[in-house]
Structures are given as C-alpha cells and as structure tokens.
C-alpha cells in the first residue's frame, strides 16, 4: 500500500487531515490548553475518538481540553512501567498502541482517531536521541497506515536543540519552527516505503544514519522515494551504503537524481553495497 502525504508546515492544529503526523514545538508563551482544545474540537466535529498520551504527573485532567478525551501515560499503559533498560521495542509498542486504539475507535463507532502526545513522558525513560527517532518512526508509520491525526508536543525547555532537531526530521509536518533544523525529512509512505526530502549534509551526519538504520532493521527490503531530495553529500551517500551493508536490507532508491548516481559510482559504492539499487 502506498500512502500519499506531503511535508511542510501547517497553519494550525485545527486544519489537520487523516494521516497527518505533526511535530509541535512550543515555548512557555504558548497556550497549550487552548490550542489542544481546538485540535480536539475539530475531532469531535468529525466524529473521531480523542486521545492524549501524557505523563501521570502532569495535571492533564485540569486542562480545559473539553470532555471525551481519554488520557494514557505511555510508560504505564504500554510499556509496563519500564524504561529502555527493560526489554521493549519503541516501534512496536507505541505504533502498536496507536493501531489498537484506532481499531477500538472503529469498533466503538468513531470515524477515526485523533491524538496528542505530550512528549514530556520521555523524562520517565532513559531514552537517547536515536531511540526517540525510532519511536517517532514507528508512530509515523502507524499514523500513515491508520490515517489517524497525531500531534507530538515538544516543549522547548524540556529538550536539547539536538533532540528537537532529531524529532523534526521524522515528522512530515511541523507546527512552529524547530531550532537546530537538520535540513531533511523522512516519512512513511506505506509498507516498507519512505520519502526523503530536503538536504542531507553536515547537519544530518549523526541523525540520518540512525534514522535510516532504524527504518531498515528487520525488513526484507526498504524503498526510498528520493524525488524530493534536493542534495546529499558524500557522508550521507556513504551512510546509505553502510546501512544496507550492516543491516543486510536491500535498499531501493527511487527517483535517484543524476548527481547522486554519479557520486555513488565515484565513491566506489557499487561493489561495497551491491544490495542498493539506484532507480531513475
């Protein structure tokens, strides 16, 4: 299945459609409760089930977000109170939770599902940037497959610039600008299919290999649509070859531009990573 989605900024949280996965970066001046209420009001009008994932210590019940919002603490509800030291998988557990809740919403007569994730719940885990990226990838893939509407709220005072930048690149859409932007996006487009857009350069030297590894791991193949990729440097090109070689996952780069194909040959990567196929 191929899912059609676009990347870019959104004008408001009350303008979203099914399949949208939005990173919301907010500082102390933002009225979280009012904007969240508008988001949920749109969902009520559309007959969608309303969910919020948030840490228990945050007084969610006192937020004026209206009735009918079911609140879960992800660590307690889906991760059995565990941290990264426990045996659990970010992609399967959080993405699986979204799929389960979407199925439940359909059984209950709702037309879809609408979710805000208060990312401060990560303080109760030992998550690294790479693990957060992996979590968001799984959530993005589930959002696309289930055509849910998901907003991940990152408070700028709670996260480092590097963490915010990493979070931005795994969301196809953003509401407000991300400090430390890394220049590219990678988002799900269906089973084993992902879109790459923007520029992969020095800014992406750490996060791009981690993101690509998480996407490729355990799959029989991975297809990357590079039509929106405006530039990729030598380090990013080598990262593609290295991930394919290390994970053993065949990578198919669709709409690979001539500069990328030329750089691939110049770096001698055809022999190093023979399972990578560059398609025009």
Foldseek 3Di string as FASTA:
>chain_A
DFFDDAFEADPALLPDWFLAEEEEEDEPVDPVLVRLLSNVVSQVVQQAQAEEADAPVPPVVPRPNDPRYHYHPCCVPQVVVAAPVDDDALLCRLLVVLVVVQVVRVVVPGPGYEYEYAVLSCVSYPDDLLRVLLNLQSNSQSRRVRSYHYYYYDYPVRDDLVSQQLNVQAGRYYHDDRRLHLFWHWGDTHDLEIEIAGEHDPSCLPNLLSNVLSSQAPDQAHEYEDLRHPYYDLSNLVSVQVSCQVRVHQYEYEPDDPVSVVSCVVVVSCVSRVSYHYYD
